[in-house]
Amino acid sequence: MTQVFDFFLQPYYTATTCNIVLEFIAALFGIISVIYARKENILVFPTGIISTAIYVYMLSQWSLYGDLIINVYYTMMSIYGWYMWHKVIDDQNHHISISRTNLKDKIIAFGIFLFTSIFVIVVYRYYNVMPNNLGFTDSILFATNNLTSGSIEDFRIVTPFLDTFTTGIFFAAMWLMANKKLESWTLWIVGNIVSIPLYFVKGYGFTGIQYSVFLILAILGYMEWRRQIESRPNND
């Protein structure tokens, strides 16, 4: 048990007090933001912007470019989502309501996932964050072999591959969330499941805990939004 605590806390032994406090604040506001999202409260966006803005600064210090790109995008999409949730769509002062995705939404979400994943791969290969001498098939085999080896060190080696996946998933999820689509929660759940061990292995315990809470809140958020859709006289 002591070794487990040492593994999670070791990165904080050399971290500055300022960075520890900033990570805690960013994680806290991230959790608050998801709580507001579950309640369909527009405060999801200003609280989310505080969290992502802090993470943009910290991730630039940690040289985690994939995660930095995610949080820059989150910040921009939070501004877009804030506008979408606030705007009036008819003469009765109604705002957009929670709905399920249609075929067009699914195509756009998949397009965002695919484009983002390819973009991150290009960036990571350019900066030699992931091996740039492997083809598509070899990359999959390399990632699979290291993921299934059971070694923490091997897991660390493939974190850029997982970053690529989570970046694409979260980009698509954020766009769906900004448009109040139920399936955004499904993508958050998948992305959070991957991100939890990813951040602990990277040595960012507060962020790993944050994503653990995110997972629980995403499940509850999905259940709440689905309940609201099904409670309507003519649900989507």
C-alpha atoms as a PDB file:
ATOM      1  CA  MET A   1       0.000   0.000   0.000  1.00  0.00           C
ATOM      2  CA  THR A   2       2.861   2.355   0.829  1.00  0.00           C
ATOM      3  CA  GLN A   3       4.409   1.671  -2.583  1.00  0.00           C
ATOM      4  CA  VAL A   4       1.112   2.536  -4.282  1.00  0.00           C
ATOM      5  CA  PHE A   5       0.905   5.862  -2.445  1.00  0.00           C
ATOM      6  CA  ASP A   6       4.549   6.592  -3.261  1.00  0.00           C
ATOM      7  CA  PHE A   7       3.864   5.901  -6.950  1.00  0.00           C
ATOM      8  CA  PHE A   8       0.966   8.353  -7.056  1.00  0.00           C
ATOM      9  CA  LEU A   9       2.588  11.018  -4.851  1.00  0.00           C
ATOM     10  CA  GLN A  10       6.147  10.867  -6.156  1.00  0.00           C
ATOM     11  CA  PRO A  11       5.672  13.556  -8.838  1.00  0.00           C
ATOM     12  CA  TYR A  12       4.447  15.974  -6.160  1.00  0.00           C
ATOM     13  CA  TYR A  13       7.599  15.620  -4.069  1.00  0.00           C
ATOM     14  CA  THR A  14       9.444  17.842  -6.544  1.00  0.00           C
ATOM     15  CA  ALA A  15       6.494  19.957  -7.732  1.00  0.00           C
ATOM     16  CA  THR A  16       6.175  23.562  -6.618  1.00  0.00           C
ATOM     17  CA  THR A  17       3.397  24.544  -4.226  1.00  0.00           C
ATOM     18  CA  CYS A  18       2.016  26.842  -6.902  1.00  0.00           C
ATOM     19  CA  ASN A  19       1.683  24.018  -9.440  1.00  0.00           C
ATOM     20  CA  ILE A  20       0.054  21.690  -6.909  1.00  0.00           C
ATOM     21  CA  VAL A  21      -2.491  24.364  -5.949  1.00  0.00           C
ATOM     22  CA  LEU A  22      -3.175  25.217  -9.597  1.00  0.00           C
ATOM     23  CA  GLU A  23      -3.757  21.575 -10.524  1.00  0.00           C
ATOM     24  CA  PHE A  24      -6.110  21.156  -7.561  1.00  0.00           C
ATOM     25  CA  ILE A  25      -8.092  24.298  -8.506  1.00  0.00           C
ATOM     26  CA  ALA A  26      -8.297  23.241 -12.163  1.00  0.00           C
ATOM     27  CA  ALA A  27      -9.483  19.762 -11.183  1.00  0.00           C
ATOM     28  CA  LEU A  28     -12.040  21.197  -8.727  1.00  0.00           C
ATOM     29  CA  PHE A  29     -13.547  23.581 -11.288  1.00  0.00           C
ATOM     30  CA  GLY A  30     -13.575  20.778 -13.846  1.00  0.00           C
ATOM     31  CA  ILE A  31     -15.682  18.657 -11.504  1.00  0.00           C
ATOM     32  CA  ILE A  32     -17.987  21.597 -10.708  1.00  0.00           C
ATOM     33  CA  SER A  33     -18.425  22.171 -14.448  1.00  0.00           C
ATOM     34  CA  VAL A  34     -19.525  18.569 -15.066  1.00  0.00           C
ATOM     35  CA  ILE A  35     -21.976  18.789 -12.145  1.00  0.00           C
ATOM     36  CA  TYR A  36     -23.541  21.845 -13.826  1.00  0.00           C
ATOM     37  CA  ALA A  37     -23.604  19.969 -17.169  1.00  0.00           C
ATOM     38  CA  ARG A  38     -25.535  17.124 -15.581  1.00  0.00           C
ATOM     39  CA  LYS A  39     -28.082  19.670 -14.279  1.00  0.00           C
ATOM     40  CA  GLU A  40     -28.275  21.338 -17.719  1.00  0.00           C
ATOM     41  CA  ASN A  41     -27.088  24.568 -16.078  1.00  0.00           C
ATOM     42  CA  ILE A  42     -25.336  27.115 -18.299  1.00  0.00           C
ATOM     43  CA  LEU A  43     -22.727  27.660 -15.571  1.00  0.00           C
ATOM     44  CA  VAL A  44     -21.100  24.523 -16.992  1.00  0.00           C
ATOM     45  CA  PHE A  45     -19.274  26.815 -19.408  1.00  0.00           C
ATOM     46  CA  PRO A  46     -17.764  29.616 -17.263  1.00  0.00           C
ATOM     47  CA  THR A  47     -16.635  27.108 -14.636  1.00  0.00           C
ATOM     48  CA  GLY A  48     -15.256  24.889 -17.393  1.00  0.00           C
ATOM     49  CA  ILE A  49     -13.345  27.808 -18.915  1.00  0.00           C
ATOM     50  CA  ILE A  50     -11.621  28.492 -15.582  1.00  0.00           C
ATOM     51  CA  SER A  51     -10.540  24.841 -15.403  1.00  0.00           C
ATOM     52  CA  THR A  52      -9.363  24.549 -19.004  1.00  0.00           C
ATOM     53  CA  ALA A  53      -7.546  27.889 -18.975  1.00  0.00           C
ATOM     54  CA  ILE A  54      -5.502  26.774 -15.957  1.00  0.00           C
ATOM     55  CA  TYR A  55      -4.789  23.421 -17.595  1.00  0.00           C
ATOM     56  CA  VAL A  56      -3.598  25.127 -20.798  1.00  0.00           C
ATOM     57  CA  TYR A  57      -0.966  26.944 -18.762  1.00  0.00           C
ATOM     58  CA  MET A  58       0.058  23.884 -16.742  1.00  0.00           C
ATOM     59  CA  LEU A  59       0.150  21.492 -19.690  1.00  0.00           C
ATOM     60  CA  SER A  60       2.430  23.885 -21.541  1.00  0.00           C
ATOM     61  CA  GLN A  61       4.792  23.591 -18.582  1.00  0.00           C
ATOM     62  CA  TRP A  62       4.511  19.775 -18.609  1.00  0.00           C
ATOM     63  CA  SER A  63       5.025  19.567 -22.433  1.00  0.00           C
ATOM     64  CA  LEU A  64       1.857  17.452 -22.778  1.00  0.00           C
ATOM     65  CA  TYR A  65       0.871  18.843 -26.159  1.00  0.00           C
ATOM     66  CA  GLY A  66      -2.007  16.485 -26.880  1.00  0.00           C
ATOM     67  CA  ASP A  67      -3.702  17.371 -23.600  1.00  0.00           C
ATOM     68  CA  LEU A  68      -2.921  21.051 -24.170  1.00  0.00           C
ATOM     69  CA  ILE A  69      -4.650  20.933 -27.565  1.00  0.00           C
ATOM     70  CA  ILE A  70      -7.692  19.346 -25.901  1.00  0.00           C
ATOM     71  CA  ASN A  71      -7.960  22.131 -23.344  1.00  0.00           C
ATOM     72  CA  VAL A  72      -7.470  24.933 -25.889  1.00  0.00           C
ATOM     73  CA  TYR A  73     -10.311  23.367 -27.863  1.00  0.00           C
ATOM     74  CA  TYR A  74     -12.414  22.959 -24.689  1.00  0.00           C
ATOM     75  CA  THR A  75     -12.003  26.660 -23.980  1.00  0.00           C
ATOM     76  CA  MET A  76     -13.132  27.650 -27.481  1.00  0.00           C
ATOM     77  CA  MET A  77     -16.011  25.153 -27.495  1.00  0.00           C
ATOM     78  CA  SER A  78     -17.101  26.373 -24.047  1.00  0.00           C
ATOM     79  CA  ILE A  79     -17.519  29.848 -25.516  1.00  0.00           C
ATOM     80  CA  TYR A  80     -19.484  28.338 -28.417  1.00  0.00           C
ATOM     81  CA  GLY A  81     -21.568  26.174 -26.059  1.00  0.00           C
ATOM     82  CA  TRP A  82     -22.233  29.153 -23.780  1.00  0.00           C
ATOM     83  CA  TYR A  83     -23.660  30.981 -26.806  1.00  0.00           C
ATOM     84  CA  MET A  84     -25.673  27.962 -28.016  1.00  0.00           C
ATOM     85  CA  TRP A  85     -27.227  27.260 -24.613  1.00  0.00           C
ATOM     86  CA  HIS A  86     -28.020  30.930 -24.038  1.00  0.00           C
ATOM     87  CA  LYS A  87     -29.478  31.912 -27.408  1.00  0.00           C
ATOM     88  CA  VAL A  88     -33.241  32.099 -27.873  1.00  0.00           C
ATOM     89  CA  ILE A  89     -34.565  29.915 -30.697  1.00  0.00           C
ATOM     90  CA  ASP A  90     -38.204  31.080 -30.907  1.00  0.00           C
ATOM     91  CA  ASP A  91     -40.687  33.770 -29.896  1.00  0.00           C
ATOM     92  CA  GLN A  92     -41.460  31.978 -26.598  1.00  0.00           C
ATOM     93  CA  ASN A  93     -37.893  32.529 -25.306  1.00  0.00           C
ATOM     94  CA  HIS A  94     -37.107  28.834 -25.569  1.00  0.00           C
ATOM     95  CA  HIS A  95     -33.524  27.597 -25.693  1.00  0.00           C
ATOM     96  CA  ILE A  96     -32.183  24.472 -27.391  1.00  0.00           C
ATOM     97  CA  SER A  97     -33.282  21.318 -25.624  1.00  0.00           C
ATOM     98  CA  ILE A  98     -31.574  18.009 -24.925  1.00  0.00           C
ATOM     99  CA  SER A  99     -31.916  15.639 -27.871  1.00  0.00           C
ATOM    100  CA  ARG A 100     -30.474  12.505 -29.391  1.00  0.00           C
ATOM    101  CA  THR A 101     -28.086  12.652 -32.321  1.00  0.00           C
ATOM    102  CA  ASN A 102     -29.340  12.192 -35.856  1.00  0.00           C
ATOM    103  CA  LEU A 103     -27.316  10.821 -38.771  1.00  0.00           C
ATOM    104  CA  LYS A 104     -25.851  14.247 -39.578  1.00  0.00           C
ATOM    105  CA  ASP A 105     -24.704  14.720 -35.966  1.00  0.00           C
ATOM    106  CA  LYS A 106     -23.060  11.285 -35.966  1.00  0.00           C
ATOM    107  CA  ILE A 107     -21.206  12.010 -39.199  1.00  0.00           C
ATOM    108  CA  ILE A 108     -19.966  15.361 -37.900  1.00  0.00           C
ATOM    109  CA  ALA A 109     -18.898  13.831 -34.570  1.00  0.00           C
ATOM    110  CA  PHE A 110     -17.028  11.022 -36.318  1.00  0.00           C
ATOM    111  CA  GLY A 111     -15.414  13.544 -38.655  1.00  0.00           C
ATOM    112  CA  ILE A 112     -14.228  15.592 -35.666  1.00  0.00           C
ATOM    113  CA  PHE A 113     -12.843  12.427 -34.036  1.00  0.00           C
ATOM    114  CA  LEU A 114     -11.043  11.313 -37.200  1.00  0.00           C
ATOM    115  CA  PHE A 115      -9.590  14.712 -38.113  1.00  0.00           C
ATOM    116  CA  THR A 116      -8.439  15.372 -34.554  1.00  0.00           C
ATOM    117  CA  SER A 117      -6.817  11.959 -34.188  1.00  0.00           C
ATOM    118  CA  ILE A 118      -4.909  12.357 -37.451  1.00  0.00           C
ATOM    119  CA  PHE A 119      -3.838  15.872 -36.487  1.00  0.00           C
ATOM    120  CA  VAL A 120      -2.500  14.712 -33.114  1.00  0.00           C
ATOM    121  CA  ILE A 121      -0.631  11.821 -34.746  1.00  0.00           C
ATOM    122  CA  VAL A 122       1.033  14.246 -37.177  1.00  0.00           C
ATOM    123  CA  VAL A 123       2.014  16.595 -34.336  1.00  0.00           C
ATOM    124  CA  TYR A 124       3.304  13.763 -32.134  1.00  0.00           C
ATOM    125  CA  ARG A 125       5.337  12.250 -34.946  1.00  0.00           C
ATOM    126  CA  TYR A 126       6.775  15.624 -35.900  1.00  0.00           C
ATOM    127  CA  TYR A 127       7.988  16.178 -32.338  1.00  0.00           C
ATOM    128  CA  ASN A 128       9.032  12.516 -31.957  1.00  0.00           C
ATOM    129  CA  VAL A 129       6.589  12.025 -29.099  1.00  0.00           C
ATOM    130  CA  MET A 130       5.562   8.735 -30.693  1.00  0.00           C
ATOM    131  CA  PRO A 131       7.657   6.530 -33.039  1.00  0.00           C
ATOM    132  CA  ASN A 132       7.531   8.058 -36.514  1.00  0.00           C
ATOM    133  CA  ASN A 133       9.135   5.105 -38.278  1.00  0.00           C
ATOM    134  CA  LEU A 134       6.168   2.762 -37.829  1.00  0.00           C
ATOM    135  CA  GLY A 135       3.437   2.161 -40.347  1.00  0.00           C
ATOM    136  CA  PHE A 136      -0.248   1.962 -39.446  1.00  0.00           C
ATOM    137  CA  THR A 137      -0.276  -1.792 -38.761  1.00  0.00           C
ATOM    138  CA  ASP A 138       3.061  -1.727 -36.932  1.00  0.00           C
ATOM    139  CA  SER A 139       1.839   1.140 -34.755  1.00  0.00           C
ATOM    140  CA  ILE A 140      -1.224  -0.863 -33.708  1.00  0.00           C
ATOM    141  CA  LEU A 141       0.902  -3.916 -32.907  1.00  0.00           C
ATOM    142  CA  PHE A 142       3.420  -1.782 -31.007  1.00  0.00           C
ATOM    143  CA  ALA A 143       0.690  -0.169 -28.894  1.00  0.00           C
ATOM    144  CA  THR A 144      -1.143  -3.471 -28.282  1.00  0.00           C
ATOM    145  CA  ASN A 145       2.000  -5.347 -27.225  1.00  0.00           C
ATOM    146  CA  ASN A 146       3.023  -2.649 -24.769  1.00  0.00           C
ATOM    147  CA  LEU A 147      -0.479  -2.237 -23.360  1.00  0.00           C
ATOM    148  CA  THR A 148      -0.834  -5.968 -22.670  1.00  0.00           C
ATOM    149  CA  SER A 149       2.645  -6.492 -21.214  1.00  0.00           C
ATOM    150  CA  GLY A 150       1.498  -5.600 -17.688  1.00  0.00           C
ATOM    151  CA  SER A 151       4.458  -3.240 -17.190  1.00  0.00           C
ATOM    152  CA  ILE A 152       3.984   0.354 -16.014  1.00  0.00           C
ATOM    153  CA  GLU A 153       6.994   1.421 -18.070  1.00  0.00           C
ATOM    154  CA  ASP A 154       5.549  -0.160 -21.223  1.00  0.00           C
ATOM    155  CA  PHE A 155       2.232   1.560 -20.484  1.00  0.00           C
ATOM    156  CA  ARG A 156       4.039   4.898 -20.273  1.00  0.00           C
ATOM    157  CA  ILE A 157       5.571   4.278 -23.699  1.00  0.00           C
ATOM    158  CA  VAL A 158       2.152   4.028 -25.352  1.00  0.00           C
ATOM    159  CA  THR A 159       0.536   6.994 -23.589  1.00  0.00           C
ATOM    160  CA  PRO A 160       0.875   9.098 -26.785  1.00  0.00           C
ATOM    161  CA  PHE A 161      -1.212   6.488 -28.650  1.00  0.00           C
ATOM    162  CA  LEU A 162      -3.903   6.683 -25.977  1.00  0.00           C
ATOM    163  CA  ASP A 163      -3.671  10.486 -26.019  1.00  0.00           C
ATOM    164  CA  THR A 164      -4.529  10.369 -29.706  1.00  0.00           C
ATOM    165  CA  PHE A 165      -7.669   8.340 -28.994  1.00  0.00           C
ATOM    166  CA  THR A 166      -8.850  10.416 -26.019  1.00  0.00           C
ATOM    167  CA  THR A 167      -8.202  13.698 -27.836  1.00  0.00           C
ATOM    168  CA  GLY A 168     -10.437  12.609 -30.728  1.00  0.00           C
ATOM    169  CA  ILE A 169     -13.120  11.277 -28.372  1.00  0.00           C
ATOM    170  CA  PHE A 170     -13.174  14.403 -26.210  1.00  0.00           C
ATOM    171  CA  PHE A 171     -13.217  16.771 -29.191  1.00  0.00           C
ATOM    172  CA  ALA A 172     -16.311  15.007 -30.535  1.00  0.00           C
ATOM    173  CA  ALA A 173     -17.907  14.849 -27.071  1.00  0.00           C
ATOM    174  CA  MET A 174     -17.426  18.571 -26.467  1.00  0.00           C
ATOM    175  CA  TRP A 175     -19.082  19.470 -29.765  1.00  0.00           C
ATOM    176  CA  LEU A 176     -22.026  17.211 -28.955  1.00  0.00           C
ATOM    177  CA  MET A 177     -22.267  18.686 -25.446  1.00  0.00           C
ATOM    178  CA  ALA A 178     -22.335  22.233 -26.834  1.00  0.00           C
ATOM    179  CA  ASN A 179     -25.340  21.158 -28.911  1.00  0.00           C
ATOM    180  CA  LYS A 180     -27.022  19.327 -25.990  1.00  0.00           C
ATOM    181  CA  LYS A 181     -26.794  15.862 -27.509  1.00  0.00           C
ATOM    182  CA  LEU A 182     -27.371  12.901 -25.190  1.00  0.00           C
ATOM    183  CA  GLU A 183     -24.620  10.842 -26.807  1.00  0.00           C
ATOM    184  CA  SER A 184     -22.001  13.341 -25.630  1.00  0.00           C
ATOM    185  CA  TRP A 185     -22.142  11.571 -22.267  1.00  0.00           C
ATOM    186  CA  THR A 186     -21.409   8.218 -23.921  1.00  0.00           C
ATOM    187  CA  LEU A 187     -18.202   9.625 -25.389  1.00  0.00           C
ATOM    188  CA  TRP A 188     -17.270  11.263 -22.066  1.00  0.00           C
ATOM    189  CA  ILE A 189     -17.672   7.882 -20.353  1.00  0.00           C
ATOM    190  CA  VAL A 190     -15.413   6.094 -22.870  1.00  0.00           C
ATOM    191  CA  GLY A 191     -12.807   8.849 -22.779  1.00  0.00           C
ATOM    192  CA  ASN A 192     -12.787   9.026 -18.983  1.00  0.00           C
ATOM    193  CA  ILE A 193     -12.279   5.265 -18.642  1.00  0.00           C
ATOM    194  CA  VAL A 194      -9.122   5.563 -20.765  1.00  0.00           C
ATOM    195  CA  SER A 195      -7.943   8.805 -19.153  1.00  0.00           C
ATOM    196  CA  ILE A 196      -8.057   7.657 -15.512  1.00  0.00           C
ATOM    197  CA  PRO A 197      -5.070   5.269 -15.653  1.00  0.00           C
ATOM    198  CA  LEU A 198      -3.411   7.520 -18.223  1.00  0.00           C
ATOM    199  CA  TYR A 199      -3.112  10.493 -15.857  1.00  0.00           C
ATOM    200  CA  PHE A 200      -2.086   8.393 -12.877  1.00  0.00           C
ATOM    201  CA  VAL A 201       0.710   6.841 -14.928  1.00  0.00           C
ATOM    202  CA  LYS A 202       1.760  10.299 -16.124  1.00  0.00           C
ATOM    203  CA  GLY A 203       2.050  11.283 -12.463  1.00  0.00           C
ATOM    204  CA  TYR A 204      -0.823  13.768 -12.168  1.00  0.00           C
ATOM    205  CA  GLY A 205      -2.809  12.375  -9.260  1.00  0.00           C
ATOM    206  CA  PHE A 206      -5.287  15.217  -8.785  1.00  0.00           C
ATOM    207  CA  THR A 207      -6.158  15.072 -12.475  1.00  0.00           C
ATOM    208  CA  GLY A 208      -6.513  11.278 -12.308  1.00  0.00           C
ATOM    209  CA  ILE A 209      -8.899  11.666  -9.366  1.00  0.00           C
ATOM    210  CA  GLN A 210     -10.744  14.360 -11.312  1.00  0.00           C
ATOM    211  CA  TYR A 211     -11.329  11.979 -14.226  1.00  0.00           C
ATOM    212  CA  SER A 212     -12.493   9.268 -11.807  1.00  0.00           C
ATOM    213  CA  VAL A 213     -15.151  11.693 -10.555  1.00  0.00           C
ATOM    214  CA  PHE A 214     -15.849  12.677 -14.177  1.00  0.00           C
ATOM    215  CA  LEU A 215     -16.643   9.046 -14.974  1.00  0.00           C
ATOM    216  CA  ILE A 216     -19.210   8.792 -12.194  1.00  0.00           C
ATOM    217  CA  LEU A 217     -20.751  12.154 -13.123  1.00  0.00           C
ATOM    218  CA  ALA A 218     -20.840  11.210 -16.817  1.00  0.00           C
ATOM    219  CA  ILE A 219     -22.816   8.054 -16.028  1.00  0.00           C
ATOM    220  CA  LEU A 220     -25.216  10.068 -13.861  1.00  0.00           C
ATOM    221  CA  GLY A 221     -25.386  12.799 -16.518  1.00  0.00           C
ATOM    222  CA  TYR A 222     -26.316  10.279 -19.202  1.00  0.00           C
ATOM    223  CA  MET A 223     -29.049   8.821 -16.993  1.00  0.00           C
ATOM    224  CA  GLU A 224     -30.421  12.286 -16.139  1.00  0.00           C
ATOM    225  CA  TRP A 225     -30.468  13.582 -19.719  1.00  0.00           C
ATOM    226  CA  ARG A 226     -32.041  10.353 -20.977  1.00  0.00           C
ATOM    227  CA  ARG A 227     -34.707  10.618 -18.260  1.00  0.00           C
ATOM    228  CA  GLN A 228     -35.516  14.156 -19.399  1.00  0.00           C
ATOM    229  CA  ILE A 229     -35.863  13.048 -23.026  1.00  0.00           C
ATOM    230  CA  GLU A 230     -38.057  10.062 -22.155  1.00  0.00           C
ATOM    231  CA  SER A 231     -40.278  12.145 -19.862  1.00  0.00           C
ATOM    232  CA  ARG A 232     -41.412  14.364 -22.742  1.00  0.00           C
ATOM    233  CA  PRO A 233     -44.826  13.686 -24.309  1.00  0.00           C
ATOM    234  CA  ASN A 234     -43.164  13.165 -27.696  1.00  0.00           C
ATOM    235  CA  ASN A 235     -39.605  12.179 -26.881  1.00  0.00           C
ATOM    236  CA  ASP A 236     -36.901  12.246 -29.586  1.00  0.00           C
END
